[in-house]
Structures are given as C-alpha cells and as structure tokens.
Amino acid sequence: MKFVSEYRDGSAAERFSRLIREKVTRDWNIMEVCGGQTHTIVRYGIDRLLPDGLNLIHGPGCPVCVTPVELVDQAIAIAGTEGVTLCSFGDMLRVPGSEVDLLSVKAGGGDVRMVYSPMDAVTLAASDPGKQVVFFAVGFETTAPVTAAAVLQARSLGLRNFTLLVSHVLVPPAMEAILASPECNVDGFLAAGHVCAVMGYREYEPITERYGVPIVVTGFEPLDLLEGIHMCVAQLEKGTNRVENQYLRVVTRPGNISAMGLMEKVFQVTDRRWRGLGEIPSSGLELRPEYSEFDAGRRFSVDHMRVEESGRCLSGKVLRGVIKPDQCPAFGTECTPEHPLGAPMVSSEGACAAYYRYRPGGWKDD
C-alpha cells in the first residue's frame, strides 16, 4: 500500500537508527506530541533502536486523554436525560468520569451512540426531530473543522435539536505550557503531522525562538518517526532551533486555509482545562456567540459542573512527560483497560494503552 509499506521497511529503519547512533554525542530528551506517534513508537520498538541517552518522552497529544473529568461528567449527565441521544467517537465511551463512563450509561438504557463523524449526528437529528441530538466534540485542530462544518450544516437545515458539547483543544499552547513548567526536561519536539496538515507549522516558529528548542513535524509510520528523530538530533547536536518538516507528502507551512476558515467562522479561542495539565490559557475552542444556540452545555444547564481529578491516577504526569506509563504504581494492576483509572489506559492514542498492549507481558491482541 503506497505510503504505508515503504515506510515500514526494516532495513531502512536499521539504516536510520545507525545514522542516529553515529550522530548522538550526549543525552537528549525528545517529546513526541501525538498519541498516534506514541503507539507507533511502542508497537514497533522504535525507542529500542535508539542509542542509550536518547530518550523519547510521551506528550499530551491524545485529545481523549486530556479531556477533563468534568466534561466527561457533563456528557454523562446529558446522556442520562430523557429524550436525548448523545453521539460520540468510540474512544470516549470507555473514559471514566468521576463515577461511571458513557458505556455504563448506555448499558443502563441511555441512548448513547458511537459515530464516525459529527455529520452522522447531524443526519440523525434531521431524521428524528423529536430527539435532542448532542455531539460530544472532542479533538485537536485535526477534527475541529469537521465539527464546524457540522454546525453550519445544522444551521442550513434549520435544525433546532442538534447541539455540541465542545472539548476541542489546541496543541501549541500545551507545548508552551510544558516548556514553561519547572519540571520540563524536553530538548526537542516531534510535532503531530495531522494537526499540521490542517494548521501548517508557522505557529510553531515563535515557540522555537522563545524556548530555543527544535521542532520537527513528522508523520506516523516507523520511518517517518526515525527520520524525524534524526532531523531533531541533528539540530540538537548543532545547537540550532527551527521548525523542520519531515512530513512533506502531507504538510505545508501555511496549512489548509479552507479548513482553518471553517474553524474561525464557528469557533473562538478560549482558556481550557486539560486533564493532568490544569487550565492552559488560550488553549481551547468554544462556539462563537452567534452560534450559541448549538451549545449543549447551556441548553442542558451542565456547564457549571466542576470535578476534581482523582489522585489515584498519575495520567497527568504521563501526559506532561514526567513519567512513563509503566512507572505508575497502578499500571497493569489497579489500572487496566477493563478497569481504567484514567483515559490514557483506554484511548486508542493513550500512552498507557500502548504500553499495556505492546510491551512484553502486556495485551497482545491486534
């Protein structure tokens, strides 16, 4: 398959790892931002191809994982309301709220449905005007344009029974929050290619200048990541800091202008709480006032709900790159995919799920 098999070539991977080993002269910490990249790294053992001292740190690039508990509880409260159908991507169904998850609400008779696109929820609302249909809008800049398009479609259809519970977040402010933290040990970043396919990478350039760290935009296949690591190491060893683009086959510097236009039309930037990271200024999206009719939090009066995170789950430290999943005392014992303490153990992009699934002794089902 084009752009898949050729990026999983073992001999090419060995050549890249040799080049990296030859270039490294000291210890470096590189954070991959995206959870999808984390899964590739752990699944294919990319970190084990690297020289001692070159450490890959897993970052907050799983939108399901960073969705705060209070928003999960808001979704659960809405899903338990009579006459409501709550639609969500499948990953969110297993994410624990403060007491239960959405899958438990569904098992108890709630109308909770997994969809593949917010447009599915719009179609459902149009086909059943007697139902209030709510889409739990979770994701980075990658999925926000489609959510915006769904709002515009719902308005064009005159739907009064379609709303959003918005939990869209933005990557650059989270990277800056990590770099500004006193516990930060990040020397360079691998940026998420799918986010940059939408947003481009111009907004990363001030970060490299302000904090003196190189950022390399990478794809998601093993050779994408190895090449991105090689590019990042080359900058670190030279003492340079700029944005480079490994993912040339997908990403351009200006990004997708049409997609960004949709986002800007429907959403505005706001402060946002992140699971494990707390509130990060200007790190989220909310509906503009002219689209407030589509705000599920207001319609169902749940936007006041506030919940404190459990101290039993160390996912915040995992998401900040302070520890790795298997350094959490609860990993694989008190916290498993069947009985998770936090979202990173059940999300398909969660670092804890990757370690549990692909490390020796973990769950091997493909």
Protein backbone atom coordinates (compact mmCIF):
# COMPACT_ATOMS: atom_id res chain seq x y z
CA MET A 1 0.00 0.00 0.00
CA LYS A 2 1.50 3.31 -1.08
CA PHE A 3 2.91 5.44 1.74
CA VAL A 4 2.50 2.57 4.21
CA SER A 5 4.60 -0.48 3.32
CA GLU A 6 7.58 1.55 2.17
CA TYR A 7 7.55 3.41 5.49
CA ARG A 8 7.77 0.13 7.43
CA ASP A 9 10.90 -1.23 5.78
CA GLY A 10 13.11 -2.93 8.37
CA SER A 11 16.42 -2.45 6.56
CA ALA A 12 15.72 1.25 6.08
CA ALA A 13 14.83 1.53 9.77
CA GLU A 14 18.18 -0.01 10.69
CA ARG A 15 20.00 2.46 8.44
CA PHE A 16 18.23 5.39 10.10
CA SER A 17 18.95 4.05 13.58
CA ARG A 18 22.63 3.68 12.66
CA LEU A 19 22.75 7.28 11.42
CA ILE A 20 21.16 8.44 14.66
CA ARG A 21 23.63 6.45 16.77
CA GLU A 22 26.54 7.96 14.85
CA LYS A 23 25.25 11.49 15.39
CA VAL A 24 24.42 11.40 19.11
CA THR A 25 27.22 12.60 21.41
CA ARG A 26 25.26 13.33 24.61
CA ASP A 27 21.91 12.70 26.31
CA TRP A 28 18.79 14.25 24.75
CA ASN A 29 15.09 14.15 25.59
CA ILE A 30 12.71 14.38 22.63
CA MET A 31 8.95 14.55 23.15
CA GLU A 32 6.58 13.20 20.53
CA VAL A 33 3.42 15.24 20.92
CA CYS A 34 0.92 12.89 19.28
CA GLY A 35 -0.53 9.77 20.89
CA GLY A 36 -0.70 8.08 17.49
CA GLN A 37 3.05 8.55 17.21
CA THR A 38 3.47 7.09 20.70
CA HIS A 39 1.63 3.94 19.63
CA THR A 40 3.87 3.57 16.57
CA ILE A 41 6.99 4.06 18.69
CA VAL A 42 5.96 1.47 21.27
CA ARG A 43 4.41 -1.02 18.84
CA TYR A 44 7.45 -1.15 16.55
CA GLY A 45 10.05 -0.74 19.28
CA ILE A 46 11.47 2.43 17.76
CA ASP A 47 12.71 3.65 21.15
CA ARG A 48 14.70 0.41 21.46
CA LEU A 49 16.53 1.12 18.22
CA LEU A 50 17.94 4.34 19.63
CA PRO A 51 21.24 4.80 21.48
CA ASP A 52 21.40 4.97 25.26
CA GLY A 53 20.76 8.50 26.41
CA LEU A 54 18.40 9.40 23.58
CA ASN A 55 15.10 9.33 25.42
CA LEU A 56 11.65 9.62 23.84
CA ILE A 57 9.13 11.32 26.12
CA HIS A 58 5.39 10.87 25.56
CA GLY A 59 3.40 14.09 25.49
CA PRO A 60 -0.22 15.29 25.79
CA GLY A 61 -1.16 14.57 22.18
CA CYS A 62 -4.21 12.40 22.85
CA PRO A 63 -7.35 14.57 22.80
CA VAL A 64 -9.43 11.92 24.55
CA CYS A 65 -6.81 11.66 27.29
CA VAL A 66 -6.68 15.40 28.01
CA THR A 67 -10.46 15.87 28.09
CA PRO A 68 -11.12 16.87 31.73
CA VAL A 69 -13.24 14.72 34.00
CA GLU A 70 -15.80 17.49 34.40
CA LEU A 71 -16.60 17.43 30.66
CA VAL A 72 -16.97 13.65 30.74
CA ASP A 73 -19.37 14.08 33.66
CA GLN A 74 -21.28 16.73 31.70
CA ALA A 75 -21.63 14.30 28.79
CA ILE A 76 -22.82 11.59 31.18
CA ALA A 77 -25.41 13.95 32.70
CA ILE A 78 -26.70 14.89 29.24
CA ALA A 79 -26.78 11.25 28.12
CA GLY A 80 -28.95 10.40 31.11
CA THR A 81 -31.56 12.99 30.15
CA GLU A 82 -34.81 11.67 28.72
CA GLY A 83 -35.31 12.34 25.03
CA VAL A 84 -31.60 12.86 24.34
CA THR A 85 -29.30 10.94 22.03
CA LEU A 86 -25.64 11.56 22.82
CA CYS A 87 -23.23 10.84 19.97
CA SER A 88 -19.51 10.39 20.43
CA PHE A 89 -16.42 8.91 18.89
CA GLY A 90 -15.88 5.40 20.23
CA ASP A 91 -12.82 6.24 22.34
CA MET A 92 -14.85 8.45 24.67
CA LEU A 93 -17.29 5.70 25.69
CA ARG A 94 -14.79 3.97 28.00
CA VAL A 95 -13.25 7.10 29.51
CA PRO A 96 -14.04 7.18 33.23
CA GLY A 97 -15.89 10.14 34.67
CA SER A 98 -15.89 10.77 38.39
CA GLU A 99 -18.15 7.75 38.96
CA VAL A 100 -19.09 5.95 35.71
CA ASP A 101 -18.43 6.12 31.97
CA LEU A 102 -20.67 6.64 28.94
CA LEU A 103 -20.68 2.93 28.17
CA SER A 104 -22.25 2.31 31.59
CA VAL A 105 -24.91 4.92 30.80
CA LYS A 106 -25.62 3.10 27.54
CA ALA A 107 -25.79 -0.25 29.35
CA GLY A 108 -28.30 1.31 31.75
CA GLY A 109 -30.62 2.29 28.91
CA GLY A 110 -29.25 5.68 27.89
CA ASP A 111 -29.26 6.50 24.19
CA VAL A 112 -25.50 6.75 23.62
CA ARG A 113 -24.26 6.13 20.10
CA MET A 114 -20.83 5.81 18.55
CA VAL A 115 -20.43 7.80 15.34
CA TYR A 116 -17.58 8.25 12.89
CA SER A 117 -18.24 11.91 12.13
CA PRO A 118 -20.25 14.81 13.59
CA MET A 119 -22.11 14.76 10.27
CA ASP A 120 -23.60 11.42 11.38
CA ALA A 121 -25.10 13.24 14.36
CA VAL A 122 -26.50 15.97 12.10
CA THR A 123 -28.11 13.31 9.91
CA LEU A 124 -29.61 11.64 12.97
CA ALA A 125 -31.05 14.95 14.23
CA ALA A 126 -32.57 15.67 10.83
CA SER A 127 -34.17 12.23 10.67
CA ASP A 128 -35.72 12.39 14.17
CA PRO A 129 -36.88 15.94 15.05
CA GLY A 130 -38.41 14.67 18.29
CA LYS A 131 -34.99 13.78 19.70
CA GLN A 132 -32.39 16.17 21.06
CA VAL A 133 -29.11 15.03 19.49
CA VAL A 134 -25.86 16.07 21.16
CA PHE A 135 -22.42 15.50 19.67
CA PHE A 136 -19.52 15.29 22.14
CA ALA A 137 -16.96 17.25 20.12
CA VAL A 138 -13.53 16.07 21.21
CA GLY A 139 -10.28 16.58 19.33
CA PHE A 140 -7.39 18.79 18.34
CA GLU A 141 -7.27 21.10 15.34
CA THR A 142 -7.48 17.97 13.20
CA THR A 143 -11.18 17.33 13.83
CA ALA A 144 -12.38 20.85 14.68
CA PRO A 145 -13.02 21.87 11.02
CA VAL A 146 -15.43 18.97 10.52
CA THR A 147 -17.24 19.90 13.73
CA ALA A 148 -17.52 23.47 12.44
CA ALA A 149 -18.89 22.17 9.14
CA ALA A 150 -21.49 20.14 11.07
CA VAL A 151 -22.69 23.31 12.84
CA LEU A 152 -23.01 25.14 9.55
CA GLN A 153 -24.89 22.20 8.04
CA ALA A 154 -27.26 22.05 11.01
CA ARG A 155 -27.99 25.75 10.68
CA SER A 156 -28.59 25.48 6.94
CA LEU A 157 -31.10 22.69 7.64
CA GLY A 158 -32.80 24.76 10.35
CA LEU A 159 -32.22 22.07 12.99
CA ARG A 160 -33.25 23.04 16.50
CA ASN A 161 -32.49 19.66 18.01
CA PHE A 162 -28.74 19.48 17.38
CA THR A 163 -26.11 20.77 19.82
CA LEU A 164 -22.44 20.28 20.69
CA LEU A 165 -20.61 19.64 23.93
CA VAL A 166 -17.31 21.19 22.84
CA SER A 167 -13.95 19.93 24.07
CA HIS A 168 -11.69 20.95 21.20
CA VAL A 169 -8.16 21.89 22.26
CA LEU A 170 -5.12 23.44 20.58
CA VAL A 171 -1.64 21.91 20.53
CA PRO A 172 0.82 24.88 20.56
CA PRO A 173 -0.38 26.33 23.91
CA ALA A 174 0.05 22.90 25.53
CA MET A 175 3.60 22.66 24.19
CA GLU A 176 4.34 26.09 25.64
CA ALA A 177 2.82 25.09 28.99
CA ILE A 178 5.15 22.07 29.12
CA LEU A 179 8.20 24.14 28.17
CA ALA A 180 7.35 26.81 30.76
CA SER A 181 6.99 24.26 33.58
CA PRO A 182 9.84 23.98 36.10
CA GLU A 183 9.69 20.18 35.73
CA CYS A 184 10.27 20.36 31.96
CA ASN A 185 13.12 18.24 30.61
CA VAL A 186 12.26 18.47 26.90
CA ASP A 187 15.10 19.31 24.50
CA GLY A 188 13.13 18.97 21.25
CA PHE A 189 9.70 18.08 19.86
CA LEU A 190 8.26 15.83 17.19
CA ALA A 191 5.09 17.68 16.16
CA ALA A 192 1.90 15.91 15.06
CA GLY A 193 1.64 15.69 11.29
CA HIS A 194 -2.16 15.52 11.14
CA VAL A 195 -2.56 18.71 13.20
CA CYS A 196 -0.05 20.47 10.96
CA ALA A 197 -1.86 19.19 7.86
CA VAL A 198 -4.69 21.48 8.95
CA MET A 199 -2.84 24.31 10.68
CA GLY A 200 0.52 24.31 8.92
CA TYR A 201 3.55 24.97 11.10
CA ARG A 202 4.00 28.72 11.14
CA GLU A 203 2.55 28.91 14.66
CA TYR A 204 5.38 26.69 15.94
CA GLU A 205 8.10 29.06 14.77
CA PRO A 206 7.71 31.54 17.68
CA ILE A 207 7.96 28.59 20.10
CA THR A 208 11.34 27.53 18.74
CA GLU A 209 12.59 31.10 19.03
CA ARG A 210 11.18 31.73 22.51
CA TYR A 211 12.32 28.48 24.13
CA GLY A 212 15.29 27.52 21.96
CA VAL A 213 14.02 24.04 21.10
CA PRO A 214 13.88 22.42 17.65
CA ILE A 215 10.51 21.17 16.42
CA VAL A 216 10.23 18.60 13.61
CA VAL A 217 6.84 17.89 12.02
CA THR A 218 6.61 14.13 11.45
CA GLY A 219 4.22 11.52 10.13
CA PHE A 220 3.10 8.36 11.86
CA GLU A 221 4.85 5.43 10.21
CA PRO A 222 8.09 4.00 11.68
CA LEU A 223 10.36 5.56 9.08
CA ASP A 224 8.58 8.90 9.41
CA LEU A 225 9.43 8.92 13.09
CA LEU A 226 13.00 7.69 12.69
CA GLU A 227 13.69 10.34 10.07
CA GLY A 228 12.07 12.97 12.30
CA ILE A 229 14.22 11.86 15.25
CA HIS A 230 17.31 12.03 13.05
CA MET A 231 16.41 15.57 11.95
CA CYS A 232 15.77 16.66 15.54
CA VAL A 233 19.02 15.11 16.82
CA ALA A 234 20.96 16.84 14.02
CA GLN A 235 19.63 20.20 15.21
CA LEU A 236 20.29 19.44 18.87
CA GLU A 237 23.87 18.42 18.16
CA LYS A 238 24.46 21.58 16.09
CA GLY A 239 22.79 23.81 18.69
CA THR A 240 20.17 25.10 16.24
CA ASN A 241 16.45 25.52 16.84
CA ARG A 242 13.98 25.86 14.00
CA VAL A 243 10.89 24.15 12.64
CA GLU A 244 11.54 21.44 10.06
CA ASN A 245 9.00 19.44 8.08
CA GLN A 246 9.63 15.71 7.65
CA TYR A 247 6.01 15.08 6.56
CA LEU A 248 6.41 16.77 3.18
CA ARG A 249 3.94 14.48 1.45
CA VAL A 250 1.10 15.89 3.57
CA VAL A 251 2.07 19.10 5.40
CA THR A 252 2.74 22.59 4.06
CA ARG A 253 3.84 25.65 6.00
CA PRO A 254 0.56 27.61 5.54
CA GLY A 255 -1.68 24.58 6.14
CA ASN A 256 -5.23 24.09 4.90
CA ILE A 257 -6.65 27.60 4.52
CA SER A 258 -10.22 26.39 3.89
CA ALA A 259 -10.25 24.19 7.00
CA MET A 260 -8.87 27.00 9.15
CA GLY A 261 -11.52 29.32 7.74
CA LEU A 262 -14.28 26.95 8.88
CA MET A 263 -12.81 26.83 12.39
CA GLU A 264 -12.51 30.60 12.61
CA LYS A 265 -16.07 31.13 11.37
CA VAL A 266 -17.69 28.90 14.02
CA PHE A 267 -15.24 28.88 16.96
CA GLN A 268 -13.28 31.35 19.01
CA VAL A 269 -10.24 30.71 21.21
CA THR A 270 -10.81 30.30 24.95
CA ASP A 271 -9.00 29.13 28.07
CA ARG A 272 -9.41 25.40 28.58
CA ARG A 273 -8.81 22.91 31.39
CA TRP A 274 -6.78 19.84 30.40
CA ARG A 275 -6.76 16.58 32.31
CA GLY A 276 -3.45 16.41 34.12
CA LEU A 277 -2.24 19.81 32.96
CA GLY A 278 -4.81 22.12 34.54
CA GLU A 279 -6.06 25.27 32.84
CA ILE A 280 -4.00 26.47 29.90
CA PRO A 281 -4.73 29.99 28.61
CA SER A 282 -5.98 30.27 25.02
CA SER A 283 -5.73 26.51 24.52
CA GLY A 284 -9.29 25.61 23.55
CA LEU A 285 -12.13 26.41 21.23
CA GLU A 286 -15.69 27.43 22.07
CA LEU A 287 -18.64 28.36 19.91
CA ARG A 288 -18.84 31.98 18.88
CA PRO A 289 -21.80 33.90 20.37
CA GLU A 290 -23.62 33.84 17.03
CA TYR A 291 -23.67 30.03 17.25
CA SER A 292 -24.60 29.77 20.94
CA GLU A 293 -27.86 28.04 20.03
CA PHE A 294 -25.75 24.94 19.38
CA ASP A 295 -24.15 24.95 22.86
CA ALA A 296 -25.25 21.78 24.69
CA GLY A 297 -23.68 22.91 27.96
CA ARG A 298 -26.05 25.86 28.12
CA ARG A 299 -29.09 24.06 26.73
CA PHE A 300 -28.87 21.30 29.33
CA SER A 301 -27.50 23.53 32.13
CA VAL A 302 -24.42 21.38 32.79
CA ASP A 303 -21.70 23.93 32.00
CA HIS A 304 -21.44 24.83 35.70
CA MET A 305 -20.27 21.32 36.69
CA ARG A 306 -16.76 21.17 38.19
CA VAL A 307 -14.99 17.98 39.27
CA GLU A 308 -11.58 17.40 40.83
CA GLU A 309 -9.37 14.72 39.32
CA SER A 310 -8.64 11.58 41.31
CA GLY A 311 -5.24 11.46 42.99
CA ARG A 312 -5.07 7.71 42.38
CA CYS A 313 -4.37 8.22 38.67
CA LEU A 314 -0.97 9.59 37.61
CA SER A 315 -2.01 10.16 34.00
CA GLY A 316 -1.25 13.87 34.42
CA LYS A 317 2.42 13.08 34.96
CA VAL A 318 2.33 10.77 31.94
CA LEU A 319 0.73 13.47 29.77
CA ARG A 320 3.32 16.03 30.89
CA GLY A 321 6.16 13.63 30.11
CA VAL A 322 7.32 13.50 33.73
CA ILE A 323 6.95 9.71 33.98
CA LYS A 324 6.34 6.86 31.57
CA PRO A 325 3.23 4.70 31.94
CA ASP A 326 4.98 1.70 33.47
CA GLN A 327 6.44 3.95 36.17
CA CYS A 328 2.96 4.49 37.60
CA PRO A 329 2.38 2.15 40.61
CA ALA A 330 -1.17 1.41 39.41
CA PHE A 331 -0.14 0.47 35.86
CA GLY A 332 -1.28 -3.04 34.90
CA THR A 333 -2.59 -3.83 38.38
CA GLU A 334 -5.11 -1.35 39.77
CA CYS A 335 -5.38 0.28 36.33
CA THR A 336 -6.11 -1.91 33.27
CA PRO A 337 -8.19 -1.48 30.09
CA GLU A 338 -11.01 -3.38 31.78
CA HIS A 339 -10.85 -1.20 34.92
CA PRO A 340 -9.11 2.07 33.97
CA LEU A 341 -8.32 4.83 36.41
CA GLY A 342 -7.80 7.32 33.60
CA ALA A 343 -8.33 7.93 29.89
CA PRO A 344 -4.76 7.08 28.71
CA MET A 345 -5.43 3.42 29.53
CA VAL A 346 -8.47 3.14 27.23
CA SER A 347 -7.93 5.64 24.42
CA SER A 348 -6.60 4.27 21.15
CA GLU A 349 -3.98 7.05 21.33
CA GLY A 350 -3.27 6.75 25.06
CA ALA A 351 0.32 6.13 26.14
CA CYS A 352 -0.76 3.79 28.94
CA ALA A 353 -2.81 1.72 26.48
CA ALA A 354 0.22 1.48 24.18
CA TYR A 355 2.48 0.21 26.94
CA TYR A 356 -0.11 -2.25 28.19
CA ARG A 357 -0.72 -3.60 24.72
CA TYR A 358 2.73 -3.76 23.17
CA ARG A 359 5.30 -4.13 25.94
CA PRO A 360 6.33 -7.70 26.96
CA GLY A 361 3.72 -9.28 29.16
CA GLY A 362 1.03 -6.88 28.01
CA TRP A 363 -2.12 -7.39 25.99
CA LYS A 364 -1.17 -8.60 22.50
CA ASP A 365 -4.50 -8.76 20.68
CA ASP A 366 -4.31 -6.93 17.33
